[in-house]
């Protein structure tokens, strides 16, 4: 048996309608001998277990780790899989997305060549119906052309592949979130290491379905506000979610494996640099109706002046 190079991690919860097709595409990988598949199976159903048993033969070339757990949040499952991974590299494959058969092999080749890079990512296609081959082509920027943009916007897409050792440097996925922890992970990675793009379409990403978490736009805006407050990207926050963000999340801390870790333990964080970006918040105000802009302006300015005097951060 060849040494495992890549750990493919998947979280499954009530995914019966996608599972058979997922297993078919998994069986078509161009480099199965280099991979293990870690399935974190949330509250398994009998039908799901039968499908997995029926496809056991077709995916026998890939070592499988089947972790049966109770219902847990997505990023808790990802962290559980990362901790169990034996590969030098880790990648995501969600149950309702379809990868091209050679995508992992191509990404692996790039990351083994680009030894200073932490994550390899690529283009993908957004579809509204599972199995569609036509959709919206997403061409993401090259990190080396716009590195600062990777500290603000999500570009690594649904199919990143990264070095497992990266977790020793920047930690794990923040379990406070349901939607944006992969963007948070990208921002942290971009601060410590270059990323690299493979100029290939890696697969199709399903969006806009009722059971797709990313369709919850209110939650997405709230979590994005938390994230942009965390890194001082004040022009990108949604002021209508400002107070909910600072009251319900530990913005200056990460959470993984049920415990909180301060940003200061990951980075040499400087509040001076954080507050230097504060005037950008007025771009967020411009996006609001006038009566709402007035409502949010006064308490935000008070918070700014208070923290300027104390030289502290906006939130803990």
C-alpha atoms as a PDB file:
ATOM      1  CA  UNK A   1       0.000   0.000   0.000  1.00  0.00           C
ATOM      2  CA  UNK A   2       1.367   3.424  -1.016  1.00  0.00           C
ATOM      3  CA  UNK A   3       1.757   6.100   1.626  1.00  0.00           C
ATOM      4  CA  UNK A   4      -1.295   8.318   1.997  1.00  0.00           C
ATOM      5  CA  UNK A   5      -0.622  11.801   0.678  1.00  0.00           C
ATOM      6  CA  UNK A   6      -4.075  13.397   0.629  1.00  0.00           C
ATOM      7  CA  UNK A   7      -6.884  13.140   3.176  1.00  0.00           C
ATOM      8  CA  UNK A   8     -10.249  13.934   1.594  1.00  0.00           C
ATOM      9  CA  UNK A   9     -12.712  15.110   4.234  1.00  0.00           C
ATOM     10  CA  UNK A  10     -16.496  15.016   3.896  1.00  0.00           C
ATOM     11  CA  UNK A  11     -19.250  15.789   6.385  1.00  0.00           C
ATOM     12  CA  UNK A  12     -22.532  13.981   5.778  1.00  0.00           C
ATOM     13  CA  UNK A  13     -25.926  14.689   7.290  1.00  0.00           C
ATOM     14  CA  UNK A  14     -29.137  13.605   5.567  1.00  0.00           C
ATOM     15  CA  UNK A  15     -27.407  13.464   2.211  1.00  0.00           C
ATOM     16  CA  UNK A  16     -29.139  10.410   0.749  1.00  0.00           C
ATOM     17  CA  UNK A  17     -30.115  12.111  -2.510  1.00  0.00           C
ATOM     18  CA  UNK A  18     -26.482  13.006  -3.272  1.00  0.00           C
ATOM     19  CA  UNK A  19     -24.607  10.088  -1.725  1.00  0.00           C
ATOM     20  CA  UNK A  20     -24.839   7.537  -4.543  1.00  0.00           C
ATOM     21  CA  UNK A  21     -23.613  10.031  -7.143  1.00  0.00           C
ATOM     22  CA  UNK A  22     -20.910  11.281  -4.770  1.00  0.00           C
ATOM     23  CA  UNK A  23     -19.574   7.753  -4.278  1.00  0.00           C
ATOM     24  CA  UNK A  24     -19.575   7.199  -8.038  1.00  0.00           C
ATOM     25  CA  UNK A  25     -17.459  10.316  -8.621  1.00  0.00           C
ATOM     26  CA  UNK A  26     -15.194   9.412  -5.709  1.00  0.00           C
ATOM     27  CA  UNK A  27     -14.520   6.052  -7.352  1.00  0.00           C
ATOM     28  CA  UNK A  28     -13.355   7.839 -10.534  1.00  0.00           C
ATOM     29  CA  UNK A  29     -10.452   9.705  -8.903  1.00  0.00           C
ATOM     30  CA  UNK A  30      -7.310   9.541 -11.009  1.00  0.00           C
ATOM     31  CA  UNK A  31      -5.018   8.944  -8.001  1.00  0.00           C
ATOM     32  CA  UNK A  32      -6.939   6.843  -5.444  1.00  0.00           C
ATOM     33  CA  UNK A  33      -3.789   5.081  -4.217  1.00  0.00           C
ATOM     34  CA  UNK A  34      -2.541   8.376  -2.760  1.00  0.00           C
ATOM     35  CA  UNK A  35      -5.779   9.230  -0.959  1.00  0.00           C
ATOM     36  CA  UNK A  36      -7.826   8.416   2.089  1.00  0.00           C
ATOM     37  CA  UNK A  37     -11.449   9.432   2.472  1.00  0.00           C
ATOM     38  CA  UNK A  38     -12.557  10.566   5.936  1.00  0.00           C
ATOM     39  CA  UNK A  39     -16.341  10.595   6.209  1.00  0.00           C
ATOM     40  CA  UNK A  40     -17.733  12.290   9.304  1.00  0.00           C
ATOM     41  CA  UNK A  41     -21.199  10.792   9.305  1.00  0.00           C
ATOM     42  CA  UNK A  42     -23.668  12.833  11.343  1.00  0.00           C
ATOM     43  CA  UNK A  43     -26.572  10.791  12.775  1.00  0.00           C
ATOM     44  CA  UNK A  44     -26.428   8.082  10.041  1.00  0.00           C
ATOM     45  CA  UNK A  45     -29.659   6.815   8.482  1.00  0.00           C
ATOM     46  CA  UNK A  46     -30.206   3.212   7.468  1.00  0.00           C
ATOM     47  CA  UNK A  47     -30.461   4.198   3.806  1.00  0.00           C
ATOM     48  CA  UNK A  48     -27.128   6.038   3.930  1.00  0.00           C
ATOM     49  CA  UNK A  49     -25.438   3.056   5.568  1.00  0.00           C
ATOM     50  CA  UNK A  50     -26.827   0.687   2.925  1.00  0.00           C
ATOM     51  CA  UNK A  51     -25.566   2.946   0.112  1.00  0.00           C
ATOM     52  CA  UNK A  52     -22.120   3.052   1.683  1.00  0.00           C
ATOM     53  CA  UNK A  53     -22.057  -0.727   2.006  1.00  0.00           C
ATOM     54  CA  UNK A  54     -23.163  -1.199  -1.625  1.00  0.00           C
ATOM     55  CA  UNK A  55     -20.406   1.080  -2.907  1.00  0.00           C
ATOM     56  CA  UNK A  56     -17.673  -0.336  -0.688  1.00  0.00           C
ATOM     57  CA  UNK A  57     -16.250  -2.387  -3.554  1.00  0.00           C
ATOM     58  CA  UNK A  58     -16.149   0.514  -6.016  1.00  0.00           C
ATOM     59  CA  UNK A  59     -14.157   2.736  -3.639  1.00  0.00           C
ATOM     60  CA  UNK A  60     -11.923  -0.031  -2.303  1.00  0.00           C
ATOM     61  CA  UNK A  61      -8.826   1.610  -3.816  1.00  0.00           C
ATOM     62  CA  UNK A  62      -9.315   4.526  -1.417  1.00  0.00           C
ATOM     63  CA  UNK A  63      -8.718   3.920   2.267  1.00  0.00           C
ATOM     64  CA  UNK A  64     -11.876   4.931   4.106  1.00  0.00           C
ATOM     65  CA  UNK A  65     -12.240   6.227   7.645  1.00  0.00           C
ATOM     66  CA  UNK A  66     -15.914   6.218   8.636  1.00  0.00           C
ATOM     67  CA  UNK A  67     -16.546   8.305  11.752  1.00  0.00           C
ATOM     68  CA  UNK A  68     -20.113   7.994  13.020  1.00  0.00           C
ATOM     69  CA  UNK A  69     -21.111  10.867  15.290  1.00  0.00           C
ATOM     70  CA  UNK A  70     -24.232  12.584  16.563  1.00  0.00           C
ATOM     71  CA  UNK A  71     -25.469  15.747  14.916  1.00  0.00           C
ATOM     72  CA  UNK A  72     -22.766  18.425  15.063  1.00  0.00           C
ATOM     73  CA  UNK A  73     -21.963  21.674  13.207  1.00  0.00           C
ATOM     74  CA  UNK A  74     -20.144  21.466   9.865  1.00  0.00           C
ATOM     75  CA  UNK A  75     -16.872  22.995  11.044  1.00  0.00           C
ATOM     76  CA  UNK A  76     -16.779  20.734  14.099  1.00  0.00           C
ATOM     77  CA  UNK A  77     -16.934  17.804  11.689  1.00  0.00           C
ATOM     78  CA  UNK A  78     -14.170  19.311   9.559  1.00  0.00           C
ATOM     79  CA  UNK A  79     -11.954  19.768  12.628  1.00  0.00           C
ATOM     80  CA  UNK A  80     -12.683  16.206  13.711  1.00  0.00           C
ATOM     81  CA  UNK A  81     -11.613  14.958  10.271  1.00  0.00           C
ATOM     82  CA  UNK A  82      -8.467  17.125  10.235  1.00  0.00           C
ATOM     83  CA  UNK A  83      -7.436  15.677  13.588  1.00  0.00           C
ATOM     84  CA  UNK A  84      -7.912  12.136  12.238  1.00  0.00           C
ATOM     85  CA  UNK A  85      -6.179  12.777   8.918  1.00  0.00           C
ATOM     86  CA  UNK A  86      -3.018  10.818   8.104  1.00  0.00           C
ATOM     87  CA  UNK A  87      -2.217  12.575   4.842  1.00  0.00           C
ATOM     88  CA  UNK A  88       0.395  15.269   4.398  1.00  0.00           C
ATOM     89  CA  UNK A  89      -2.270  17.262   2.575  1.00  0.00           C
ATOM     90  CA  UNK A  90      -5.974  17.813   3.228  1.00  0.00           C
ATOM     91  CA  UNK A  91      -8.815  18.727   0.909  1.00  0.00           C
ATOM     92  CA  UNK A  92     -12.559  19.301   1.137  1.00  0.00           C
ATOM     93  CA  UNK A  93     -15.152  17.458  -0.900  1.00  0.00           C
ATOM     94  CA  UNK A  94     -18.713  18.331   0.087  1.00  0.00           C
ATOM     95  CA  UNK A  95     -21.400  15.747  -0.536  1.00  0.00           C
ATOM     96  CA  UNK A  96     -23.372  17.947  -2.984  1.00  0.00           C
ATOM     97  CA  UNK A  97     -20.379  19.092  -5.061  1.00  0.00           C
ATOM     98  CA  UNK A  98     -18.752  17.236  -7.950  1.00  0.00           C
ATOM     99  CA  UNK A  99     -14.985  17.191  -8.465  1.00  0.00           C
ATOM    100  CA  UNK A 100     -13.262  16.493 -11.749  1.00  0.00           C
ATOM    101  CA  UNK A 101     -11.489  13.101 -11.557  1.00  0.00           C
ATOM    102  CA  UNK A 102      -7.984  14.567 -11.887  1.00  0.00           C
ATOM    103  CA  UNK A 103      -8.534  17.673  -9.744  1.00  0.00           C
ATOM    104  CA  UNK A 104      -6.860  16.378  -6.580  1.00  0.00           C
ATOM    105  CA  UNK A 105      -3.925  14.945  -8.531  1.00  0.00           C
ATOM    106  CA  UNK A 106      -3.379  18.279 -10.289  1.00  0.00           C
ATOM    107  CA  UNK A 107      -3.598  20.263  -7.054  1.00  0.00           C
ATOM    108  CA  UNK A 108      -1.212  17.883  -5.322  1.00  0.00           C
ATOM    109  CA  UNK A 109       1.349  18.235  -8.116  1.00  0.00           C
ATOM    110  CA  UNK A 110       1.220  22.038  -7.867  1.00  0.00           C
ATOM    111  CA  UNK A 111       1.584  22.154  -4.081  1.00  0.00           C
ATOM    112  CA  UNK A 112       4.469  19.675  -4.115  1.00  0.00           C
ATOM    113  CA  UNK A 113       6.223  21.893  -6.638  1.00  0.00           C
ATOM    114  CA  UNK A 114       5.413  25.192  -4.890  1.00  0.00           C
ATOM    115  CA  UNK A 115       6.988  24.289  -1.557  1.00  0.00           C
ATOM    116  CA  UNK A 116       6.470  27.726   0.012  1.00  0.00           C
ATOM    117  CA  UNK A 117       2.724  27.771  -0.676  1.00  0.00           C
ATOM    118  CA  UNK A 118       0.165  26.706   1.942  1.00  0.00           C
ATOM    119  CA  UNK A 119      -3.022  26.251  -0.110  1.00  0.00           C
ATOM    120  CA  UNK A 120      -3.747  25.446  -3.743  1.00  0.00           C
ATOM    121  CA  UNK A 121      -7.104  26.435  -5.227  1.00  0.00           C
ATOM    122  CA  UNK A 122      -8.663  26.870  -8.659  1.00  0.00           C
ATOM    123  CA  UNK A 123     -11.622  27.860 -10.795  1.00  0.00           C
ATOM    124  CA  UNK A 124     -14.996  26.175 -10.490  1.00  0.00           C
ATOM    125  CA  UNK A 125     -18.525  26.293 -11.860  1.00  0.00           C
ATOM    126  CA  UNK A 126     -21.656  27.263  -9.909  1.00  0.00           C
ATOM    127  CA  UNK A 127     -24.780  25.237 -10.751  1.00  0.00           C
ATOM    128  CA  UNK A 128     -28.340  25.468  -9.438  1.00  0.00           C
ATOM    129  CA  UNK A 129     -29.207  21.814  -9.998  1.00  0.00           C
ATOM    130  CA  UNK A 130     -27.091  18.874  -8.924  1.00  0.00           C
ATOM    131  CA  UNK A 131     -25.404  17.183 -11.859  1.00  0.00           C
ATOM    132  CA  UNK A 132     -25.695  20.153 -14.231  1.00  0.00           C
ATOM    133  CA  UNK A 133     -22.704  20.659 -16.490  1.00  0.00           C
ATOM    134  CA  UNK A 134     -23.660  24.214 -17.436  1.00  0.00           C
ATOM    135  CA  UNK A 135     -23.649  27.108 -15.006  1.00  0.00           C
ATOM    136  CA  UNK A 136     -21.691  30.184 -13.994  1.00  0.00           C
ATOM    137  CA  UNK A 137     -17.949  29.897 -14.515  1.00  0.00           C
ATOM    138  CA  UNK A 138     -16.046  31.355 -11.561  1.00  0.00           C
ATOM    139  CA  UNK A 139     -12.535  32.482 -12.494  1.00  0.00           C
ATOM    140  CA  UNK A 140     -10.756  33.370  -9.261  1.00  0.00           C
ATOM    141  CA  UNK A 141      -7.752  35.732  -9.126  1.00  0.00           C
ATOM    142  CA  UNK A 142      -4.175  34.616  -8.819  1.00  0.00           C
ATOM    143  CA  UNK A 143      -2.897  35.198  -5.285  1.00  0.00           C
ATOM    144  CA  UNK A 144       0.391  36.636  -6.555  1.00  0.00           C
ATOM    145  CA  UNK A 145      -1.492  39.326  -8.504  1.00  0.00           C
ATOM    146  CA  UNK A 146      -3.729  40.476  -5.638  1.00  0.00           C
ATOM    147  CA  UNK A 147      -2.466  39.095  -2.301  1.00  0.00           C
ATOM    148  CA  UNK A 148      -4.184  41.805  -0.223  1.00  0.00           C
ATOM    149  CA  UNK A 149      -7.576  40.877  -1.684  1.00  0.00           C
ATOM    150  CA  UNK A 150      -7.252  37.442  -0.053  1.00  0.00           C
ATOM    151  CA  UNK A 151      -7.343  39.188   3.342  1.00  0.00           C
ATOM    152  CA  UNK A 152     -10.843  40.463   2.536  1.00  0.00           C
ATOM    153  CA  UNK A 153     -12.761  38.234   0.106  1.00  0.00           C
ATOM    154  CA  UNK A 154     -13.279  34.503  -0.362  1.00  0.00           C
ATOM    155  CA  UNK A 155     -11.352  33.158  -3.355  1.00  0.00           C
ATOM    156  CA  UNK A 156     -10.175  29.627  -2.554  1.00  0.00           C
ATOM    157  CA  UNK A 157     -13.623  28.294  -3.455  1.00  0.00           C
ATOM    158  CA  UNK A 158     -15.147  24.936  -2.533  1.00  0.00           C
ATOM    159  CA  UNK A 159     -12.141  22.772  -3.485  1.00  0.00           C
ATOM    160  CA  UNK A 160      -9.028  23.966  -1.617  1.00  0.00           C
ATOM    161  CA  UNK A 161      -6.161  21.592  -0.883  1.00  0.00           C
ATOM    162  CA  UNK A 162      -3.678  22.532   1.837  1.00  0.00           C
ATOM    163  CA  UNK A 163      -0.772  21.260   3.904  1.00  0.00           C
ATOM    164  CA  UNK A 164      -1.855  19.628   7.141  1.00  0.00           C
ATOM    165  CA  UNK A 165       1.042  21.311   8.953  1.00  0.00           C
ATOM    166  CA  UNK A 166      -0.666  24.653   8.297  1.00  0.00           C
ATOM    167  CA  UNK A 167      -2.936  23.901  11.261  1.00  0.00           C
ATOM    168  CA  UNK A 168       0.079  23.943  13.585  1.00  0.00           C
ATOM    169  CA  UNK A 169       0.652  27.555  12.589  1.00  0.00           C
ATOM    170  CA  UNK A 170      -2.824  29.104  12.242  1.00  0.00           C
ATOM    171  CA  UNK A 171      -5.113  26.715  14.087  1.00  0.00           C
ATOM    172  CA  UNK A 172      -8.307  25.049  12.884  1.00  0.00           C
ATOM    173  CA  UNK A 173     -11.721  26.067  11.556  1.00  0.00           C
ATOM    174  CA  UNK A 174     -13.606  28.473  13.815  1.00  0.00           C
ATOM    175  CA  UNK A 175     -16.598  26.572  15.179  1.00  0.00           C
ATOM    176  CA  UNK A 176     -18.449  29.780  16.045  1.00  0.00           C
ATOM    177  CA  UNK A 177     -19.482  29.974  12.389  1.00  0.00           C
ATOM    178  CA  UNK A 178     -21.839  27.969  10.201  1.00  0.00           C
ATOM    179  CA  UNK A 179     -20.906  29.515   6.846  1.00  0.00           C
ATOM    180  CA  UNK A 180     -17.716  31.594   6.719  1.00  0.00           C
ATOM    181  CA  UNK A 181     -15.046  29.640   8.575  1.00  0.00           C
ATOM    182  CA  UNK A 182     -13.376  28.664   5.301  1.00  0.00           C
ATOM    183  CA  UNK A 183     -12.960  32.369   4.473  1.00  0.00           C
ATOM    184  CA  UNK A 184     -11.560  32.944   7.959  1.00  0.00           C
ATOM    185  CA  UNK A 185      -9.128  30.068   7.367  1.00  0.00           C
ATOM    186  CA  UNK A 186      -8.095  31.597   4.022  1.00  0.00           C
ATOM    187  CA  UNK A 187      -7.427  34.993   5.646  1.00  0.00           C
ATOM    188  CA  UNK A 188      -5.276  33.462   8.368  1.00  0.00           C
ATOM    189  CA  UNK A 189      -3.341  31.379   5.840  1.00  0.00           C
ATOM    190  CA  UNK A 190      -2.777  34.400   3.588  1.00  0.00           C
ATOM    191  CA  UNK A 191      -1.163  36.240   6.484  1.00  0.00           C
ATOM    192  CA  UNK A 192       1.568  33.640   6.956  1.00  0.00           C
ATOM    193  CA  UNK A 193       2.173  32.041   3.553  1.00  0.00           C
ATOM    194  CA  UNK A 194       1.505  32.501  -0.172  1.00  0.00           C
ATOM    195  CA  UNK A 195      -1.335  30.639  -1.861  1.00  0.00           C
ATOM    196  CA  UNK A 196      -1.135  29.225  -5.367  1.00  0.00           C
ATOM    197  CA  UNK A 197      -3.704  28.804  -8.125  1.00  0.00           C
ATOM    198  CA  UNK A 198      -4.010  25.849 -10.470  1.00  0.00           C
ATOM    199  CA  UNK A 199      -5.351  27.137 -13.767  1.00  0.00           C
ATOM    200  CA  UNK A 200      -7.972  24.433 -14.173  1.00  0.00           C
ATOM    201  CA  UNK A 201     -11.666  24.117 -13.403  1.00  0.00           C
ATOM    202  CA  UNK A 202     -11.765  21.784 -10.415  1.00  0.00           C
ATOM    203  CA  UNK A 203     -15.456  20.924 -10.299  1.00  0.00           C
ATOM    204  CA  UNK A 204     -19.034  22.121  -9.844  1.00  0.00           C
ATOM    205  CA  UNK A 205     -20.445  23.788  -6.748  1.00  0.00           C
ATOM    206  CA  UNK A 206     -24.162  23.510  -5.958  1.00  0.00           C
ATOM    207  CA  UNK A 207     -25.719  26.783  -4.788  1.00  0.00           C
ATOM    208  CA  UNK A 208     -29.168  28.163  -4.130  1.00  0.00           C
ATOM    209  CA  UNK A 209     -30.966  25.023  -2.974  1.00  0.00           C
ATOM    210  CA  UNK A 210     -33.212  24.964   0.091  1.00  0.00           C
ATOM    211  CA  UNK A 211     -30.910  22.585   1.961  1.00  0.00           C
ATOM    212  CA  UNK A 212     -27.770  24.545   1.130  1.00  0.00           C
ATOM    213  CA  UNK A 213     -26.554  26.564   4.118  1.00  0.00           C
ATOM    214  CA  UNK A 214     -25.040  29.233   1.863  1.00  0.00           C
ATOM    215  CA  UNK A 215     -28.589  30.156   0.800  1.00  0.00           C
ATOM    216  CA  UNK A 216     -29.176  31.650   4.272  1.00  0.00           C
ATOM    217  CA  UNK A 217     -28.200  35.168   3.269  1.00  0.00           C
ATOM    218  CA  UNK A 218     -29.113  36.809   6.593  1.00  0.00           C
ATOM    219  CA  UNK A 219     -26.776  34.478   8.472  1.00  0.00           C
ATOM    220  CA  UNK A 220     -24.128  34.923   5.804  1.00  0.00           C
ATOM    221  CA  UNK A 221     -24.243  38.714   6.205  1.00  0.00           C
ATOM    222  CA  UNK A 222     -24.075  38.421  10.006  1.00  0.00           C
ATOM    223  CA  UNK A 223     -21.092  36.062   9.976  1.00  0.00           C
ATOM    224  CA  UNK A 224     -19.325  38.164   7.352  1.00  0.00           C
ATOM    225  CA  UNK A 225     -19.763  41.171   9.622  1.00  0.00           C
ATOM    226  CA  UNK A 226     -18.155  39.255  12.497  1.00  0.00           C
ATOM    227  CA  UNK A 227     -15.291  38.242  10.256  1.00  0.00           C
ATOM    228  CA  UNK A 228     -14.638  41.687   8.785  1.00  0.00           C
ATOM    229  CA  UNK A 229     -14.761  43.251  12.264  1.00  0.00           C
ATOM    230  CA  UNK A 230     -12.202  40.649  13.353  1.00  0.00           C
ATOM    231  CA  UNK A 231      -9.694  41.739  10.706  1.00  0.00           C
ATOM    232  CA  UNK A 232     -10.493  45.454  10.503  1.00  0.00           C
ATOM    233  CA  UNK A 233     -12.128  45.420   7.059  1.00  0.00           C
ATOM    234  CA  UNK A 234     -14.678  47.995   8.190  1.00  0.00           C
ATOM    235  CA  UNK A 235     -15.904  48.893   4.710  1.00  0.00           C
ATOM    236  CA  UNK A 236     -17.178  45.333   4.228  1.00  0.00           C
ATOM    237  CA  UNK A 237     -19.340  45.031   7.331  1.00  0.00           C
ATOM    238  CA  UNK A 238     -23.140  45.121   7.348  1.00  0.00           C
ATOM    239  CA  UNK A 239     -24.015  47.754   9.914  1.00  0.00           C
ATOM    240  CA  UNK A 240     -27.509  46.335  10.382  1.00  0.00           C
ATOM    241  CA  UNK A 241     -25.770  43.280  11.899  1.00  0.00           C
ATOM    242  CA  UNK A 242     -23.166  45.236  13.884  1.00  0.00           C
ATOM    243  CA  UNK A 243     -24.676  44.907  17.359  1.00  0.00           C
ATOM    244  CA  UNK A 244     -25.713  41.289  16.884  1.00  0.00           C
ATOM    245  CA  UNK A 245     -22.141  40.523  15.834  1.00  0.00           C
ATOM    246  CA  UNK A 246     -20.440  42.069  18.846  1.00  0.00           C
ATOM    247  CA  UNK A 247     -22.981  40.676  21.324  1.00  0.00           C
ATOM    248  CA  UNK A 248     -23.195  37.078  20.104  1.00  0.00           C
ATOM    249  CA  UNK A 249     -19.669  36.229  18.955  1.00  0.00           C
ATOM    250  CA  UNK A 250     -16.204  36.303  20.471  1.00  0.00           C
ATOM    251  CA  UNK A 251     -14.714  38.305  17.635  1.00  0.00           C
ATOM    252  CA  UNK A 252     -11.162  38.418  18.981  1.00  0.00           C
ATOM    253  CA  UNK A 253     -11.085  34.664  19.665  1.00  0.00           C
ATOM    254  CA  UNK A 254     -11.274  31.464  17.633  1.00  0.00           C
ATOM    255  CA  UNK A 255     -13.133  28.359  18.730  1.00  0.00           C
ATOM    256  CA  UNK A 256     -12.112  24.822  17.899  1.00  0.00           C
ATOM    257  CA  UNK A 257     -12.655  21.508  19.649  1.00  0.00           C
ATOM    258  CA  UNK A 258     -15.020  23.377  21.964  1.00  0.00           C
ATOM    259  CA  UNK A 259     -12.353  25.734  23.356  1.00  0.00           C
ATOM    260  CA  UNK A 260     -11.552  29.378  22.654  1.00  0.00           C
ATOM    261  CA  UNK A 261      -8.125  30.598  21.528  1.00  0.00           C
ATOM    262  CA  UNK A 262      -7.236  34.293  21.530  1.00  0.00           C
ATOM    263  CA  UNK A 263      -6.078  35.909  18.299  1.00  0.00           C
ATOM    264  CA  UNK A 264      -3.049  37.081  20.263  1.00  0.00           C
ATOM    265  CA  UNK A 265      -1.991  33.442  20.611  1.00  0.00           C
ATOM    266  CA  UNK A 266      -1.963  33.075  16.815  1.00  0.00           C
ATOM    267  CA  UNK A 267      -0.734  36.495  15.695  1.00  0.00           C
ATOM    268  CA  UNK A 268       1.252  39.385  17.090  1.00  0.00           C
ATOM    269  CA  UNK A 269      -1.883  41.493  16.836  1.00  0.00           C
ATOM    270  CA  UNK A 270      -1.491  45.274  16.777  1.00  0.00           C
ATOM    271  CA  UNK A 271      -4.538  47.383  17.707  1.00  0.00           C
ATOM    272  CA  UNK A 272      -2.902  50.422  16.122  1.00  0.00           C
ATOM    273  CA  UNK A 273      -3.055  48.820  12.671  1.00  0.00           C
ATOM    274  CA  UNK A 274      -6.605  47.681  13.376  1.00  0.00           C
ATOM    275  CA  UNK A 275      -7.848  51.184  14.133  1.00  0.00           C
ATOM    276  CA  UNK A 276      -5.998  52.724  11.198  1.00  0.00           C
ATOM    277  CA  UNK A 277      -8.655  51.147   8.975  1.00  0.00           C
ATOM    278  CA  UNK A 278     -11.612  52.415  11.003  1.00  0.00           C
ATOM    279  CA  UNK A 279     -12.475  55.397   8.722  1.00  0.00           C
ATOM    280  CA  UNK A 280     -13.400  52.823   6.067  1.00  0.00           C
ATOM    281  CA  UNK A 281     -16.577  52.202   8.065  1.00  0.00           C
ATOM    282  CA  UNK A 282     -18.114  55.236   6.406  1.00  0.00           C
ATOM    283  CA  UNK A 283     -18.297  53.258   3.163  1.00  0.00           C
ATOM    284  CA  UNK A 284     -20.597  50.872   5.029  1.00  0.00           C
ATOM    285  CA  UNK A 285     -22.686  53.829   6.198  1.00  0.00           C
ATOM    286  CA  UNK A 286     -23.120  55.011   2.610  1.00  0.00           C
ATOM    287  CA  UNK A 287     -24.864  51.746   1.748  1.00  0.00           C
ATOM    288  CA  UNK A 288     -27.612  52.401   4.323  1.00  0.00           C
ATOM    289  CA  UNK A 289     -30.759  54.530   4.043  1.00  0.00           C
ATOM    290  CA  UNK A 290     -30.240  57.912   5.706  1.00  0.00           C
ATOM    291  CA  UNK A 291     -32.335  57.163   8.819  1.00  0.00           C
ATOM    292  CA  UNK A 292     -30.405  53.946   9.465  1.00  0.00           C
ATOM    293  CA  UNK A 293     -27.056  55.630   8.864  1.00  0.00           C
ATOM    294  CA  UNK A 294     -27.899  58.175  11.554  1.00  0.00           C
ATOM    295  CA  UNK A 295     -29.000  55.409  13.909  1.00  0.00           C
ATOM    296  CA  UNK A 296     -25.696  53.536  13.674  1.00  0.00           C
ATOM    297  CA  UNK A 297     -23.277  56.452  13.296  1.00  0.00           C
ATOM    298  CA  UNK A 298     -23.384  57.843  16.857  1.00  0.00           C
ATOM    299  CA  UNK A 299     -22.776  54.606  18.840  1.00  0.00           C
ATOM    300  CA  UNK A 300     -20.049  53.506  16.434  1.00  0.00           C
ATOM    301  CA  UNK A 301     -18.215  56.826  16.723  1.00  0.00           C
ATOM    302  CA  UNK A 302     -18.553  56.650  20.521  1.00  0.00           C
ATOM    303  CA  UNK A 303     -17.049  53.157  20.494  1.00  0.00           C
ATOM    304  CA  UNK A 304     -14.209  54.374  18.278  1.00  0.00           C
ATOM    305  CA  UNK A 305     -13.376  57.344  20.520  1.00  0.00           C
ATOM    306  CA  UNK A 306     -13.566  55.211  23.658  1.00  0.00           C
ATOM    307  CA  UNK A 307     -11.172  52.645  22.240  1.00  0.00           C
ATOM    308  CA  UNK A 308      -8.822  55.284  20.888  1.00  0.00           C
ATOM    309  CA  UNK A 309      -8.480  56.610  24.430  1.00  0.00           C
ATOM    310  CA  UNK A 310      -7.903  53.158  25.894  1.00  0.00           C
ATOM    311  CA  UNK A 311      -5.853  51.868  22.928  1.00  0.00           C
ATOM    312  CA  UNK A 312      -7.939  48.729  22.943  1.00  0.00           C
ATOM    313  CA  UNK A 313      -9.709  46.689  20.313  1.00  0.00           C
ATOM    314  CA  UNK A 314     -13.296  47.290  19.268  1.00  0.00           C
ATOM    315  CA  UNK A 315     -14.477  43.999  20.721  1.00  0.00           C
ATOM    316  CA  UNK A 316     -13.123  41.135  22.743  1.00  0.00           C
END
